[in-house]
Amino acid sequence: RENAKNMVYLQMNTLKPEDTAVYYCAG
């Protein structure tokens, strides 16, 4: 996260077919 910009990130590497989904951000 980068609080000065009100941002959060998810870096996803070596993706697999089972990672297929709708991804939601929540607080």
PDB file of all heavy atoms in Angstrom:
ATOM      1  N   ARG A   1       0.837  -1.197   0.000  1.00  0.00           N
ATOM      2  CA  ARG A   1       0.000   0.000   0.000  1.00  0.00           C
ATOM      3  C   ARG A   1       0.868   1.242   0.000  1.00  0.00           C
ATOM      4  O   ARG A   1       2.017   1.224   0.448  1.00  0.00           O
ATOM      5  CB  ARG A   1      -0.971   0.003   1.183  1.00  0.00           C
ATOM      6  CG  ARG A   1      -0.324   0.147   2.544  1.00  0.00           C
ATOM      7  CD  ARG A   1      -1.339  -0.156   3.652  1.00  0.00           C
ATOM      8  NE  ARG A   1      -2.437   0.806   3.684  1.00  0.00           N
ATOM      9  CZ  ARG A   1      -3.620   0.574   4.253  1.00  0.00           C
ATOM     10  NH1 ARG A   1      -3.871  -0.605   4.830  1.00  0.00           N
ATOM     11  NH2 ARG A   1      -4.555   1.520   4.241  1.00  0.00           N
ATOM     12  N   GLU A   2       0.289   2.321  -0.486  1.00  0.00           N
ATOM     13  CA  GLU A   2       0.946   3.607  -0.560  1.00  0.00           C
ATOM     14  C   GLU A   2      -0.037   4.610   0.044  1.00  0.00           C
ATOM     15  O   GLU A   2      -0.889   5.157  -0.646  1.00  0.00           O
ATOM     16  CB  GLU A   2       1.287   3.946  -2.005  1.00  0.00           C
ATOM     17  CG  GLU A   2       2.273   5.063  -2.180  1.00  0.00           C
ATOM     18  CD  GLU A   2       2.764   5.168  -3.615  1.00  0.00           C
ATOM     19  OE1 GLU A   2       2.287   4.409  -4.481  1.00  0.00           O
ATOM     20  OE2 GLU A   2       3.629   6.013  -3.872  1.00  0.00           O
ATOM     21  N   ASN A   3       0.092   4.843   1.339  1.00  0.00           N
ATOM     22  CA  ASN A   3      -0.922   5.598   2.065  1.00  0.00           C
ATOM     23  C   ASN A   3      -1.019   7.058   1.632  1.00  0.00           C
ATOM     24  O   ASN A   3      -2.091   7.651   1.690  1.00  0.00           O
ATOM     25  CB  ASN A   3      -0.664   5.511   3.564  1.00  0.00           C
ATOM     26  CG  ASN A   3      -1.049   4.163   4.130  1.00  0.00           C
ATOM     27  OD1 ASN A   3      -1.828   3.424   3.532  1.00  0.00           O
ATOM     28  ND2 ASN A   3      -0.509   3.830   5.295  1.00  0.00           N
ATOM     29  N   ALA A   4       0.088   7.643   1.201  1.00  0.00           N
ATOM     30  CA  ALA A   4       0.059   9.031   0.753  1.00  0.00           C
ATOM     31  C   ALA A   4      -0.815   9.214  -0.476  1.00  0.00           C
ATOM     32  O   ALA A   4      -1.275  10.322  -0.750  1.00  0.00           O
ATOM     33  CB  ALA A   4       1.469   9.528   0.473  1.00  0.00           C
ATOM     34  N   LYS A   5      -1.058   8.123  -1.216  1.00  0.00           N
ATOM     35  CA  LYS A   5      -1.884   8.168  -2.420  1.00  0.00           C
ATOM     36  C   LYS A   5      -3.197   7.413  -2.266  1.00  0.00           C
ATOM     37  O   LYS A   5      -3.950   7.286  -3.232  1.00  0.00           O
ATOM     38  CB  LYS A   5      -1.113   7.610  -3.613  1.00  0.00           C
ATOM     39  CG  LYS A   5       0.122   8.404  -3.986  1.00  0.00           C
ATOM     40  CD  LYS A   5       0.807   7.805  -5.197  1.00  0.00           C
ATOM     41  CE  LYS A   5       2.015   8.623  -5.607  1.00  0.00           C
ATOM     42  NZ  LYS A   5       2.683   8.051  -6.797  1.00  0.00           N
ATOM     43  N   ASN A   6      -3.485   6.901  -1.087  1.00  0.00           N
ATOM     44  CA  ASN A   6      -4.687   6.090  -0.843  1.00  0.00           C
ATOM     45  C   ASN A   6      -4.785   4.928  -1.831  1.00  0.00           C
ATOM     46  O   ASN A   6      -5.843   4.662  -2.406  1.00  0.00           O
ATOM     47  CB  ASN A   6      -5.951   6.950  -0.924  1.00  0.00           C
ATOM     48  CG  ASN A   6      -6.224   7.730   0.349  1.00  0.00           C
ATOM     49  OD1 ASN A   6      -5.311   8.047   1.110  1.00  0.00           O
ATOM     50  ND2 ASN A   6      -7.491   8.053   0.582  1.00  0.00           N
ATOM     51  N   MET A   7      -3.676   4.215  -2.015  1.00  0.00           N
ATOM     52  CA  MET A   7      -3.618   3.128  -2.979  1.00  0.00           C
ATOM     53  C   MET A   7      -3.181   1.835  -2.309  1.00  0.00           C
ATOM     54  O   MET A   7      -2.358   1.835  -1.389  1.00  0.00           O
ATOM     55  CB  MET A   7      -2.641   3.443  -4.110  1.00  0.00           C
ATOM     56  CG  MET A   7      -3.036   4.623  -4.972  1.00  0.00           C
ATOM     57  SD  MET A   7      -4.478   4.261  -6.022  1.00  0.00           S
ATOM     58  CE  MET A   7      -3.785   3.030  -7.127  1.00  0.00           C
ATOM     59  N   VAL A   8      -3.725   0.728  -2.789  1.00  0.00           N
ATOM     60  CA  VAL A   8      -3.282  -0.600  -2.403  1.00  0.00           C
ATOM     61  C   VAL A   8      -3.099  -1.420  -3.680  1.00  0.00           C
ATOM     62  O   VAL A   8      -3.835  -1.223  -4.654  1.00  0.00           O
ATOM     63  CB  VAL A   8      -4.272  -1.263  -1.419  1.00  0.00           C
ATOM     64  CG1 VAL A   8      -5.643  -1.437  -2.054  1.00  0.00           C
ATOM     65  CG2 VAL A   8      -3.731  -2.587  -0.918  1.00  0.00           C
ATOM     66  N   TYR A   9      -2.124  -2.335  -3.664  1.00  0.00           N
ATOM     67  CA  TYR A   9      -1.770  -3.084  -4.859  1.00  0.00           C
ATOM     68  C   TYR A   9      -1.700  -4.569  -4.551  1.00  0.00           C
ATOM     69  O   TYR A   9      -1.472  -4.986  -3.418  1.00  0.00           O
ATOM     70  CB  TYR A   9      -0.413  -2.637  -5.404  1.00  0.00           C
ATOM     71  CG  TYR A   9      -0.289  -1.158  -5.620  1.00  0.00           C
ATOM     72  CD1 TYR A   9       0.315  -0.348  -4.663  1.00  0.00           C
ATOM     73  CD2 TYR A   9      -0.774  -0.561  -6.775  1.00  0.00           C
ATOM     74  CE1 TYR A   9       0.436   1.015  -4.854  1.00  0.00           C
ATOM     75  CE2 TYR A   9      -0.666   0.801  -6.972  1.00  0.00           C
ATOM     76  CZ  TYR A   9      -0.059   1.589  -6.017  1.00  0.00           C
ATOM     77  OH  TYR A   9       0.057   2.942  -6.214  1.00  0.00           O
ATOM     78  N   LEU A  10      -1.887  -5.353  -5.592  1.00  0.00           N
ATOM     79  CA  LEU A  10      -1.652  -6.791  -5.506  1.00  0.00           C
ATOM     80  C   LEU A  10      -0.814  -7.195  -6.709  1.00  0.00           C
ATOM     81  O   LEU A  10      -1.313  -7.204  -7.837  1.00  0.00           O
ATOM     82  CB  LEU A  10      -2.962  -7.580  -5.484  1.00  0.00           C
ATOM     83  CG  LEU A  10      -2.810  -9.091  -5.292  1.00  0.00           C
ATOM     84  CD1 LEU A  10      -2.306  -9.399  -3.884  1.00  0.00           C
ATOM     85  CD2 LEU A  10      -4.129  -9.817  -5.560  1.00  0.00           C
ATOM     86  N   GLN A  11       0.454  -7.498  -6.462  1.00  0.00           N
ATOM     87  CA  GLN A  11       1.336  -7.999  -7.506  1.00  0.00           C
ATOM     88  C   GLN A  11       1.185  -9.503  -7.583  1.00  0.00           C
ATOM     89  O   GLN A  11       1.417 -10.205  -6.599  1.00  0.00           O
ATOM     90  CB  GLN A  11       2.788  -7.624  -7.207  1.00  0.00           C
ATOM     91  CG  GLN A  11       3.790  -8.143  -8.231  1.00  0.00           C
ATOM     92  CD  GLN A  11       3.627  -7.509  -9.584  1.00  0.00           C
ATOM     93  OE1 GLN A  11       3.462  -6.298  -9.686  1.00  0.00           O
ATOM     94  NE2 GLN A  11       3.650  -8.319 -10.633  1.00  0.00           N
ATOM     95  N   MET A  12       0.803 -10.011  -8.741  1.00  0.00           N
ATOM     96  CA  MET A  12       0.549 -11.424  -8.937  1.00  0.00           C
ATOM     97  C   MET A  12       1.546 -11.965  -9.955  1.00  0.00           C
ATOM     98  O   MET A  12       1.547 -11.543 -11.113  1.00  0.00           O
ATOM     99  CB  MET A  12      -0.886 -11.664  -9.413  1.00  0.00           C
ATOM    100  CG  MET A  12      -1.945 -11.057  -8.502  1.00  0.00           C
ATOM    101  SD  MET A  12      -3.623 -11.464  -9.034  1.00  0.00           S
ATOM    102  CE  MET A  12      -3.682 -10.574 -10.590  1.00  0.00           C
ATOM    103  N   ASN A  13       2.384 -12.900  -9.529  1.00  0.00           N
ATOM    104  CA  ASN A  13       3.380 -13.516 -10.390  1.00  0.00           C
ATOM    105  C   ASN A  13       3.077 -14.989 -10.590  1.00  0.00           C
ATOM    106  O   ASN A  13       2.379 -15.606  -9.785  1.00  0.00           O
ATOM    107  CB  ASN A  13       4.779 -13.352  -9.788  1.00  0.00           C
ATOM    108  CG  ASN A  13       5.210 -11.913  -9.669  1.00  0.00           C
ATOM    109  OD1 ASN A  13       4.865 -11.076 -10.502  1.00  0.00           O
ATOM    110  ND2 ASN A  13       5.986 -11.615  -8.628  1.00  0.00           N
ATOM    111  N   THR A  14       3.632 -15.547 -11.653  1.00  0.00           N
ATOM    112  CA  THR A  14       3.470 -16.964 -11.961  1.00  0.00           C
ATOM    113  C   THR A  14       2.004 -17.381 -11.871  1.00  0.00           C
ATOM    114  O   THR A  14       1.646 -18.330 -11.174  1.00  0.00           O
ATOM    115  CB  THR A  14       4.344 -17.825 -11.029  1.00  0.00           C
ATOM    116  OG1 THR A  14       5.627 -17.214 -10.854  1.00  0.00           O
ATOM    117  CG2 THR A  14       4.563 -19.212 -11.635  1.00  0.00           C
ATOM    118  N   LEU A  15       1.167 -16.666 -12.578  1.00  0.00           N
ATOM    119  CA  LEU A  15      -0.267 -16.920 -12.518  1.00  0.00           C
ATOM    120  C   LEU A  15      -0.616 -18.299 -13.060  1.00  0.00           C
ATOM    121  O   LEU A  15       0.017 -18.801 -13.992  1.00  0.00           O
ATOM    122  CB  LEU A  15      -1.020 -15.849 -13.287  1.00  0.00           C
ATOM    123  CG  LEU A  15      -1.131 -14.515 -12.539  1.00  0.00           C
ATOM    124  CD1 LEU A  15      -1.473 -13.389 -13.502  1.00  0.00           C
ATOM    125  CD2 LEU A  15      -2.183 -14.617 -11.444  1.00  0.00           C
ATOM    126  N   LYS A  16      -1.627 -18.896 -12.456  1.00  0.00           N
ATOM    127  CA  LYS A  16      -2.105 -20.219 -12.812  1.00  0.00           C
ATOM    128  C   LYS A  16      -3.570 -20.133 -13.223  1.00  0.00           C
ATOM    129  O   LYS A  16      -4.281 -19.230 -12.797  1.00  0.00           O
ATOM    130  CB  LYS A  16      -1.963 -21.170 -11.621  1.00  0.00           C
ATOM    131  CG  LYS A  16      -0.558 -21.269 -11.058  1.00  0.00           C
ATOM    132  CD  LYS A  16      -0.542 -22.141  -9.811  1.00  0.00           C
ATOM    133  CE  LYS A  16       0.843 -22.201  -9.191  1.00  0.00           C
ATOM    134  NZ  LYS A  16       1.809 -22.888 -10.082  1.00  0.00           N
ATOM    135  N   PRO A  17      -4.044 -21.082 -14.031  1.00  0.00           N
ATOM    136  CA  PRO A  17      -5.460 -21.055 -14.410  1.00  0.00           C
ATOM    137  C   PRO A  17      -6.403 -21.013 -13.215  1.00  0.00           C
ATOM    138  O   PRO A  17      -7.465 -20.387 -13.300  1.00  0.00           O
ATOM    139  CB  PRO A  17      -5.627 -22.351 -15.217  1.00  0.00           C
ATOM    140  CG  PRO A  17      -4.285 -22.572 -15.819  1.00  0.00           C
ATOM    141  CD  PRO A  17      -3.307 -22.127 -14.765  1.00  0.00           C
ATOM    142  N   GLU A  18      -6.046 -21.646 -12.114  1.00  0.00           N
ATOM    143  CA  GLU A  18      -6.893 -21.635 -10.934  1.00  0.00           C
ATOM    144  C   GLU A  18      -6.961 -20.281 -10.240  1.00  0.00           C
ATOM    145  O   GLU A  18      -7.751 -20.102  -9.311  1.00  0.00           O
ATOM    146  CB  GLU A  18      -6.464 -22.717  -9.935  1.00  0.00           C
ATOM    147  CG  GLU A  18      -4.986 -22.686  -9.594  1.00  0.00           C
ATOM    148  CD  GLU A  18      -4.178 -23.690 -10.397  1.00  0.00           C
ATOM    149  OE1 GLU A  18      -4.400 -23.793 -11.625  1.00  0.00           O
ATOM    150  OE2 GLU A  18      -3.331 -24.381  -9.805  1.00  0.00           O
ATOM    151  N   ASP A  19      -6.143 -19.316 -10.673  1.00  0.00           N
ATOM    152  CA  ASP A  19      -6.242 -17.950 -10.170  1.00  0.00           C
ATOM    153  C   ASP A  19      -7.345 -17.158 -10.861  1.00  0.00           C
ATOM    154  O   ASP A  19      -7.636 -16.025 -10.453  1.00  0.00           O
ATOM    155  CB  ASP A  19      -4.918 -17.210 -10.358  1.00  0.00           C
ATOM    156  CG  ASP A  19      -3.792 -17.802  -9.540  1.00  0.00           C
ATOM    157  OD1 ASP A  19      -4.023 -18.164  -8.367  1.00  0.00           O
ATOM    158  OD2 ASP A  19      -2.663 -17.901 -10.079  1.00  0.00           O
ATOM    159  N   THR A  20      -7.938 -17.710 -11.895  1.00  0.00           N
ATOM    160  CA  THR A  20      -8.997 -17.021 -12.631  1.00  0.00           C
ATOM    161  C   THR A  20     -10.179 -16.726 -11.714  1.00  0.00           C
ATOM    162  O   THR A  20     -10.729 -17.627 -11.076  1.00  0.00           O
ATOM    163  CB  THR A  20      -9.458 -17.871 -13.823  1.00  0.00           C
ATOM    164  OG1 THR A  20      -8.377 -18.003 -14.752  1.00  0.00           O
ATOM    165  CG2 THR A  20     -10.642 -17.225 -14.528  1.00  0.00           C
ATOM    166  N   ALA A  21     -10.559 -15.453 -11.645  1.00  0.00           N
ATOM    167  CA  ALA A  21     -11.640 -15.029 -10.758  1.00  0.00           C
ATOM    168  C   ALA A  21     -11.859 -13.532 -10.928  1.00  0.00           C
ATOM    169  O   ALA A  21     -11.057 -12.840 -11.549  1.00  0.00           O
ATOM    170  CB  ALA A  21     -11.299 -15.332  -9.297  1.00  0.00           C
ATOM    171  N   VAL A  22     -12.944 -13.050 -10.343  1.00  0.00           N
ATOM    172  CA  VAL A  22     -13.123 -11.620 -10.145  1.00  0.00           C
ATOM    173  C   VAL A  22     -12.438 -11.259  -8.835  1.00  0.00           C
ATOM    174  O   VAL A  22     -12.706 -11.874  -7.799  1.00  0.00           O
ATOM    175  CB  VAL A  22     -14.608 -11.222 -10.105  1.00  0.00           C
ATOM    176  CG1 VAL A  22     -14.753  -9.734  -9.805  1.00  0.00           C
ATOM    177  CG2 VAL A  22     -15.282 -11.563 -11.429  1.00  0.00           C
ATOM    178  N   TYR A  23     -11.563 -10.276  -8.869  1.00  0.00           N
ATOM    179  CA  TYR A  23     -10.812  -9.860  -7.697  1.00  0.00           C
ATOM    180  C   TYR A  23     -11.404  -8.584  -7.118  1.00  0.00           C
ATOM    181  O   TYR A  23     -11.631  -7.609  -7.829  1.00  0.00           O
ATOM    182  CB  TYR A  23      -9.340  -9.644  -8.057  1.00  0.00           C
ATOM    183  CG  TYR A  23      -8.583 -10.938  -8.193  1.00  0.00           C
ATOM    184  CD1 TYR A  23      -8.818 -11.782  -9.267  1.00  0.00           C
ATOM    185  CD2 TYR A  23      -7.647 -11.322  -7.234  1.00  0.00           C
ATOM    186  CE1 TYR A  23      -8.145 -12.987  -9.386  1.00  0.00           C
ATOM    187  CE2 TYR A  23      -6.966 -12.520  -7.346  1.00  0.00           C
ATOM    188  CZ  TYR A  23      -7.215 -13.349  -8.420  1.00  0.00           C
ATOM    189  OH  TYR A  23      -6.539 -14.543  -8.534  1.00  0.00           O
ATOM    190  N   TYR A  24     -11.645  -8.604  -5.809  1.00  0.00           N
ATOM    191  CA  TYR A  24     -12.261  -7.490  -5.104  1.00  0.00           C
ATOM    192  C   TYR A  24     -11.308  -6.888  -4.083  1.00  0.00           C
ATOM    193  O   TYR A  24     -10.619  -7.616  -3.367  1.00  0.00           O
ATOM    194  CB  TYR A  24     -13.521  -7.951  -4.366  1.00  0.00           C
ATOM    195  CG  TYR A  24     -14.616  -8.463  -5.254  1.00  0.00           C
ATOM    196  CD1 TYR A  24     -14.692  -9.812  -5.583  1.00  0.00           C
ATOM    197  CD2 TYR A  24     -15.578  -7.601  -5.763  1.00  0.00           C
ATOM    198  CE1 TYR A  24     -15.698 -10.294  -6.402  1.00  0.00           C
ATOM    199  CE2 TYR A  24     -16.589  -8.077  -6.580  1.00  0.00           C
ATOM    200  CZ  TYR A  24     -16.640  -9.426  -6.893  1.00  0.00           C
ATOM    201  OH  TYR A  24     -17.652  -9.893  -7.703  1.00  0.00           O
ATOM    202  N   CYS A  25     -11.302  -5.586  -4.010  1.00  0.00           N
ATOM    203  CA  CYS A  25     -10.581  -4.848  -2.990  1.00  0.00           C
ATOM    204  C   CYS A  25     -11.570  -4.432  -1.904  1.00  0.00           C
ATOM    205  O   CYS A  25     -12.684  -4.006  -2.203  1.00  0.00           O
ATOM    206  CB  CYS A  25      -9.919  -3.615  -3.607  1.00  0.00           C
ATOM    207  SG  CYS A  25      -8.991  -2.573  -2.463  1.00  0.00           S
ATOM    208  N   ALA A  26     -11.187  -4.579  -0.645  1.00  0.00           N
ATOM    209  CA  ALA A  26     -12.083  -4.283   0.461  1.00  0.00           C
ATOM    210  C   ALA A  26     -11.332  -3.610   1.598  1.00  0.00           C
ATOM    211  O   ALA A  26     -10.142  -3.839   1.793  1.00  0.00           O
ATOM    212  CB  ALA A  26     -12.749  -5.565   0.968  1.00  0.00           C
ATOM    213  N   GLY A  27     -12.061  -2.804   2.365  1.00  0.00           N
ATOM    214  CA  GLY A  27     -11.481  -2.131   3.512  1.00  0.00           C
ATOM    215  C   GLY A  27     -12.311  -2.334   4.763  1.00  0.00           C
ATOM    216  O   GLY A  27     -13.530  -2.472   4.693  1.00  0.00           O
TER     217      GLY A  27
END
